[in-house]
PDB file of N, CA and C in Angstrom:
ATOM      1  N   MET A   1       0.838  -1.189   0.000  1.00  0.00           N
ATOM      2  CA  MET A   1       0.000   0.000   0.000  1.00  0.00           C
ATOM      3  C   MET A   1       0.877   1.244   0.000  1.00  0.00           C
ATOM      4  N   TYR A   2       0.447   2.271  -0.685  1.00  0.00           N
ATOM      5  CA  TYR A   2       1.201   3.510  -0.814  1.00  0.00           C
ATOM      6  C   TYR A   2       0.814   4.450   0.318  1.00  0.00           C
ATOM      7  N   ASP A   3       1.728   4.642   1.258  1.00  0.00           N
ATOM      8  CA  ASP A   3       1.437   5.509   2.404  1.00  0.00           C
ATOM      9  C   ASP A   3       2.396   6.703   2.405  1.00  0.00           C
ATOM     10  N   GLU A   4       2.286   7.554   3.396  1.00  0.00           N
ATOM     11  CA  GLU A   4       3.119   8.756   3.476  1.00  0.00           C
ATOM     12  C   GLU A   4       4.604   8.428   3.584  1.00  0.00           C
ATOM     13  N   LYS A   5       4.957   7.373   4.296  1.00  0.00           N
ATOM     14  CA  LYS A   5       6.363   6.983   4.443  1.00  0.00           C
ATOM     15  C   LYS A   5       6.943   6.582   3.076  1.00  0.00           C
ATOM     16  N   THR A   6       6.196   5.796   2.334  1.00  0.00           N
ATOM     17  CA  THR A   6       6.627   5.382   1.005  1.00  0.00           C
ATOM     18  C   THR A   6       6.723   6.588   0.079  1.00  0.00           C
ATOM     19  N   LYS A   7       5.758   7.480   0.168  1.00  0.00           N
ATOM     20  CA  LYS A   7       5.751   8.688  -0.651  1.00  0.00           C
ATOM     21  C   LYS A   7       7.005   9.522  -0.386  1.00  0.00           C
ATOM     22  N   LYS A   8       7.357   9.698   0.870  1.00  0.00           N
ATOM     23  CA  LYS A   8       8.548  10.474   1.232  1.00  0.00           C
ATOM     24  C   LYS A   8       9.820   9.822   0.703  1.00  0.00           C
ATOM     25  N   LYS A   9       9.902   8.489   0.782  1.00  0.00           N
ATOM     26  CA  LYS A   9      11.067   7.775   0.263  1.00  0.00           C
ATOM     27  C   LYS A   9      11.168   7.935  -1.251  1.00  0.00           C
ATOM     28  N   THR A  10      10.047   7.865  -1.939  1.00  0.00           N
ATOM     29  CA  THR A  10      10.021   8.027  -3.387  1.00  0.00           C
ATOM     30  C   THR A  10      10.479   9.424  -3.782  1.00  0.00           C
ATOM     31  N   ILE A  11       9.965  10.440  -3.111  1.00  0.00           N
ATOM     32  CA  ILE A  11      10.350  11.824  -3.389  1.00  0.00           C
ATOM     33  C   ILE A  11      11.840  12.023  -3.133  1.00  0.00           C
ATOM     34  N   LYS A  12      12.364  11.460  -2.056  1.00  0.00           N
ATOM     35  CA  LYS A  12      13.781  11.575  -1.739  1.00  0.00           C
ATOM     36  C   LYS A  12      14.621  10.918  -2.837  1.00  0.00           C
ATOM     37  N   TYR A  13      14.229   9.721  -3.274  1.00  0.00           N
ATOM     38  CA  TYR A  13      14.948   9.013  -4.336  1.00  0.00           C
ATOM     39  C   TYR A  13      14.969   9.851  -5.616  1.00  0.00           C
ATOM     40  N   ILE A  14      13.818  10.362  -6.010  1.00  0.00           N
ATOM     41  CA  ILE A  14      13.716  11.158  -7.240  1.00  0.00           C
ATOM     42  C   ILE A  14      14.581  12.409  -7.136  1.00  0.00           C
ATOM     43  N   THR A  15      14.557  13.072  -5.990  1.00  0.00           N
ATOM     44  CA  THR A  15      15.337  14.290  -5.786  1.00  0.00           C
ATOM     45  C   THR A  15      16.829  14.037  -5.928  1.00  0.00           C
ATOM     46  N   ILE A  16      17.296  12.896  -5.435  1.00  0.00           N
ATOM     47  CA  ILE A  16      18.725  12.579  -5.439  1.00  0.00           C
ATOM     48  C   ILE A  16      19.179  11.977  -6.763  1.00  0.00           C
ATOM     49  N   ASN A  17      18.357  11.136  -7.388  1.00  0.00           N
ATOM     50  CA  ASN A  17      18.804  10.306  -8.502  1.00  0.00           C
ATOM     51  C   ASN A  17      18.254  10.639  -9.884  1.00  0.00           C
ATOM     52  N   ARG A  18      17.353  11.578  -9.976  1.00  0.00           N
ATOM     53  CA  ARG A  18      16.714  11.825 -11.270  1.00  0.00           C
ATOM     54  C   ARG A  18      16.805  13.303 -11.638  1.00  0.00           C
ATOM     55  N   GLU A  19      16.682  13.589 -12.933  1.00  0.00           N
ATOM     56  CA  GLU A  19      16.589  14.955 -13.436  1.00  0.00           C
ATOM     57  C   GLU A  19      15.275  15.092 -14.188  1.00  0.00           C
ATOM     58  N   TYR A  20      14.765  16.315 -14.252  1.00  0.00           N
ATOM     59  CA  TYR A  20      13.495  16.563 -14.923  1.00  0.00           C
ATOM     60  C   TYR A  20      13.744  17.434 -16.141  1.00  0.00           C
ATOM     61  N   LEU A  21      13.127  17.074 -17.254  1.00  0.00           N
ATOM     62  CA  LEU A  21      13.197  17.852 -18.481  1.00  0.00           C
ATOM     63  C   LEU A  21      11.776  18.053 -18.978  1.00  0.00           C
ATOM     64  N   GLY A  22      11.327  19.290 -18.991  1.00  0.00           N
ATOM     65  CA  GLY A  22       9.992  19.599 -19.492  1.00  0.00           C
ATOM     66  C   GLY A  22      10.071  20.018 -20.952  1.00  0.00           C
ATOM     67  N   LEU A  23       9.057  19.686 -21.724  1.00  0.00           N
ATOM     68  CA  LEU A  23       9.019  20.028 -23.146  1.00  0.00           C
ATOM     69  C   LEU A  23       7.722  20.754 -23.462  1.00  0.00           C
ATOM     70  N   ASN A  24       7.825  21.800 -24.271  1.00  0.00           N
ATOM     71  CA  ASN A  24       6.640  22.456 -24.814  1.00  0.00           C
ATOM     72  C   ASN A  24       6.470  21.941 -26.233  1.00  0.00           C
ATOM     73  N   LEU A  25       5.374  21.245 -26.488  1.00  0.00           N
ATOM     74  CA  LEU A  25       5.149  20.593 -27.774  1.00  0.00           C
ATOM     75  C   LEU A  25       3.883  21.125 -28.428  1.00  0.00           C
ATOM     76  N   PRO A  26       3.817  21.080 -29.758  1.00  0.00           N
ATOM     77  CA  PRO A  26       2.567  21.431 -30.423  1.00  0.00           C
ATOM     78  C   PRO A  26       1.449  20.481 -29.967  1.00  0.00           C
ATOM     79  N   LEU A  27       0.231  20.996 -29.921  1.00  0.00           N
ATOM     80  CA  LEU A  27      -0.906  20.182 -29.510  1.00  0.00           C
ATOM     81  C   LEU A  27      -0.999  18.913 -30.339  1.00  0.00           C
ATOM     82  N   GLY A  28      -1.253  17.807 -29.668  1.00  0.00           N
ATOM     83  CA  GLY A  28      -1.405  16.519 -30.330  1.00  0.00           C
ATOM     84  C   GLY A  28      -0.125  15.696 -30.374  1.00  0.00           C
ATOM     85  N   THR A  29       1.026  16.353 -30.199  1.00  0.00           N
ATOM     86  CA  THR A  29       2.301  15.646 -30.271  1.00  0.00           C
ATOM     87  C   THR A  29       2.432  14.621 -29.153  1.00  0.00           C
ATOM     88  N   LYS A  30       2.064  15.004 -27.955  1.00  0.00           N
ATOM     89  CA  LYS A  30       2.198  14.109 -26.798  1.00  0.00           C
ATOM     90  C   LYS A  30       1.422  12.809 -27.029  1.00  0.00           C
ATOM     91  N   ASP A  31       0.195  12.934 -27.478  1.00  0.00           N
ATOM     92  CA  ASP A  31      -0.622  11.735 -27.712  1.00  0.00           C
ATOM     93  C   ASP A  31      -0.038  10.860 -28.817  1.00  0.00           C
ATOM     94  N   ARG A  32       0.465  11.477 -29.888  1.00  0.00           N
ATOM     95  CA  ARG A  32       1.094  10.704 -30.972  1.00  0.00           C
ATOM     96  C   ARG A  32       2.315   9.967 -30.455  1.00  0.00           C
ATOM     97  N   TRP A  33       3.149  10.673 -29.670  1.00  0.00           N
ATOM     98  CA  TRP A  33       4.353  10.046 -29.119  1.00  0.00           C
ATOM     99  C   TRP A  33       3.995   8.925 -28.156  1.00  0.00           C
ATOM    100  N   LYS A  34       2.955   9.127 -27.337  1.00  0.00           N
ATOM    101  CA  LYS A  34       2.530   8.077 -26.408  1.00  0.00           C
ATOM    102  C   LYS A  34       2.065   6.837 -27.163  1.00  0.00           C
ATOM    103  N   ASP A  35       1.273   7.040 -28.207  1.00  0.00           N
ATOM    104  CA  ASP A  35       0.780   5.912 -29.000  1.00  0.00           C
ATOM    105  C   ASP A  35       1.940   5.169 -29.669  1.00  0.00           C
ATOM    106  N   TYR A  36       2.862   5.915 -30.244  1.00  0.00           N
ATOM    107  CA  TYR A  36       3.999   5.296 -30.922  1.00  0.00           C
ATOM    108  C   TYR A  36       4.886   4.546 -29.940  1.00  0.00           C
ATOM    109  N   SER A  37       5.196   5.160 -28.812  1.00  0.00           N
ATOM    110  CA  SER A  37       6.064   4.495 -27.835  1.00  0.00           C
ATOM    111  C   SER A  37       5.399   3.239 -27.275  1.00  0.00           C
ATOM    112  N   ALA A  38       4.077   3.275 -27.097  1.00  0.00           N
ATOM    113  CA  ALA A  38       3.358   2.086 -26.635  1.00  0.00           C
ATOM    114  C   ALA A  38       3.476   0.955 -27.655  1.00  0.00           C
ATOM    115  N   GLU A  39       3.395   1.298 -28.945  1.00  0.00           N
ATOM    116  CA  GLU A  39       3.579   0.288 -29.999  1.00  0.00           C
ATOM    117  C   GLU A  39       4.974  -0.337 -29.936  1.00  0.00           C
ATOM    118  N   GLN A  40       5.947   0.449 -29.497  1.00  0.00           N
ATOM    119  CA  GLN A  40       7.322  -0.037 -29.386  1.00  0.00           C
ATOM    120  C   GLN A  40       7.573  -0.766 -28.065  1.00  0.00           C
ATOM    121  N   GLY A  41       6.566  -0.765 -27.185  1.00  0.00           N
ATOM    122  CA  GLY A  41       6.669  -1.458 -25.910  1.00  0.00           C
ATOM    123  C   GLY A  41       7.480  -0.709 -24.865  1.00  0.00           C
ATOM    124  N   MET A  42       7.478   0.625 -24.947  1.00  0.00           N
ATOM    125  CA  MET A  42       8.221   1.409 -23.962  1.00  0.00           C
ATOM    126  C   MET A  42       7.500   2.712 -23.669  1.00  0.00           C
ATOM    127  N   SER A  43       7.972   3.399 -22.648  1.00  0.00           N
ATOM    128  CA  SER A  43       7.395   4.696 -22.287  1.00  0.00           C
ATOM    129  C   SER A  43       7.945   5.766 -23.220  1.00  0.00           C
ATOM    130  N   VAL A  44       7.308   6.932 -23.225  1.00  0.00           N
ATOM    131  CA  VAL A  44       7.804   8.053 -24.022  1.00  0.00           C
ATOM    132  C   VAL A  44       9.213   8.415 -23.565  1.00  0.00           C
ATOM    133  N   THR A  45       9.436   8.464 -22.274  1.00  0.00           N
ATOM    134  CA  THR A  45      10.763   8.789 -21.741  1.00  0.00           C
ATOM    135  C   THR A  45      11.801   7.788 -22.224  1.00  0.00           C
ATOM    136  N   ALA A  46      11.488   6.503 -22.145  1.00  0.00           N
ATOM    137  CA  ALA A  46      12.430   5.475 -22.576  1.00  0.00           C
ATOM    138  C   ALA A  46      12.713   5.588 -24.072  1.00  0.00           C
ATOM    139  N   LEU A  47      11.700   5.858 -24.863  1.00  0.00           N
ATOM    140  CA  LEU A  47      11.878   5.975 -26.309  1.00  0.00           C
ATOM    141  C   LEU A  47      12.752   7.182 -26.658  1.00  0.00           C
ATOM    142  N   ILE A  48      12.459   8.329 -26.065  1.00  0.00           N
ATOM    143  CA  ILE A  48      13.254   9.533 -26.329  1.00  0.00           C
ATOM    144  C   ILE A  48      14.701   9.303 -25.918  1.00  0.00           C
ATOM    145  N   THR A  49      14.911   8.726 -24.748  1.00  0.00           N
ATOM    146  CA  THR A  49      16.263   8.445 -24.263  1.00  0.00           C
ATOM    147  C   THR A  49      16.992   7.512 -25.218  1.00  0.00           C
ATOM    148  N   LYS A  50      16.321   6.442 -25.635  1.00  0.00           N
ATOM    149  CA  LYS A  50      16.921   5.465 -26.551  1.00  0.00           C
ATOM    150  C   LYS A  50      17.326   6.126 -27.866  1.00  0.00           C
ATOM    151  N   LEU A  51      16.427   6.910 -28.446  1.00  0.00           N
ATOM    152  CA  LEU A  51      16.710   7.544 -29.731  1.00  0.00           C
ATOM    153  C   LEU A  51      17.857   8.539 -29.636  1.00  0.00           C
ATOM    154  N   ILE A  52      17.882   9.334 -28.583  1.00  0.00           N
ATOM    155  CA  ILE A  52      18.967  10.311 -28.427  1.00  0.00           C
ATOM    156  C   ILE A  52      20.299   9.609 -28.171  1.00  0.00           C
ATOM    157  N   GLU A  53      20.299   8.598 -27.307  1.00  0.00           N
ATOM    158  CA  GLU A  53      21.544   7.864 -27.031  1.00  0.00           C
ATOM    159  C   GLU A  53      22.077   7.192 -28.292  1.00  0.00           C
ATOM    160  N   GLU A  54      21.191   6.604 -29.106  1.00  0.00           N
ATOM    161  CA  GLU A  54      21.610   5.982 -30.362  1.00  0.00           C
ATOM    162  C   GLU A  54      22.203   7.013 -31.314  1.00  0.00           C
ATOM    163  N   ASP A  55      21.575   8.189 -31.387  1.00  0.00           N
ATOM    164  CA  ASP A  55      22.061   9.245 -32.256  1.00  0.00           C
ATOM    165  C   ASP A  55      23.419   9.761 -31.780  1.00  0.00           C
ATOM    166  N   MET A  56      23.586   9.913 -30.476  1.00  0.00           N
ATOM    167  CA  MET A  56      24.865  10.355 -29.932  1.00  0.00           C
ATOM    168  C   MET A  56      25.966   9.349 -30.247  1.00  0.00           C
ATOM    169  N   LYS A  57      25.649   8.069 -30.112  1.00  0.00           N
ATOM    170  CA  LYS A  57      26.623   7.013 -30.411  1.00  0.00           C
ATOM    171  C   LYS A  57      26.983   7.022 -31.898  1.00  0.00           C
ATOM    172  N   LYS A  58      25.961   7.142 -32.750  1.00  0.00           N
ATOM    173  CA  LYS A  58      26.164   7.163 -34.197  1.00  0.00           C
ATOM    174  C   LYS A  58      27.073   8.330 -34.606  1.00  0.00           C
ATOM    175  N   ASN A  59      26.925   9.469 -33.928  1.00  0.00           N
ATOM    176  CA  ASN A  59      27.703  10.657 -34.247  1.00  0.00           C
ATOM    177  C   ASN A  59      28.960  10.780 -33.402  1.00  0.00           C
ATOM    178  N   ASP A  60      29.293   9.724 -32.663  1.00  0.00           N
ATOM    179  CA  ASP A  60      30.521   9.655 -31.851  1.00  0.00           C
ATOM    180  C   ASP A  60      30.635  10.833 -30.875  1.00  0.00           C
ATOM    181  N   PHE A  61      29.513  11.197 -30.263  1.00  0.00           N
ATOM    182  CA  PHE A  61      29.494  12.277 -29.277  1.00  0.00           C
ATOM    183  C   PHE A  61      30.021  11.762 -27.949  1.00  0.00           C
ATOM    184  N   LYS A  62      30.993  12.444 -27.386  1.00  0.00           N
ATOM    185  CA  LYS A  62      31.646  11.987 -26.158  1.00  0.00           C
ATOM    186  C   LYS A  62      31.235  12.791 -24.929  1.00  0.00           C
ATOM    187  N   GLY A  63      30.387  13.802 -25.069  1.00  0.00           N
ATOM    188  CA  GLY A  63      29.994  14.717 -24.021  1.00  0.00           C
ATOM    189  C   GLY A  63      29.749  14.240 -22.691  1.00  0.00           C
TER     190      GLY A  63
END
């Protein structure tokens, strides 16, 4: 069950281990991306990350 203690632990984990990137997209883009990523069997975040990482590797980006 999800209680306040679990919620606090989750927030602490996210604060320490994750970064947030917000995007402003044309209307309808989010739904199209969600549908496409679902067809690929992954989340929108996972799909975007995968595509960017593949592109960086292809272009030998060392950043």
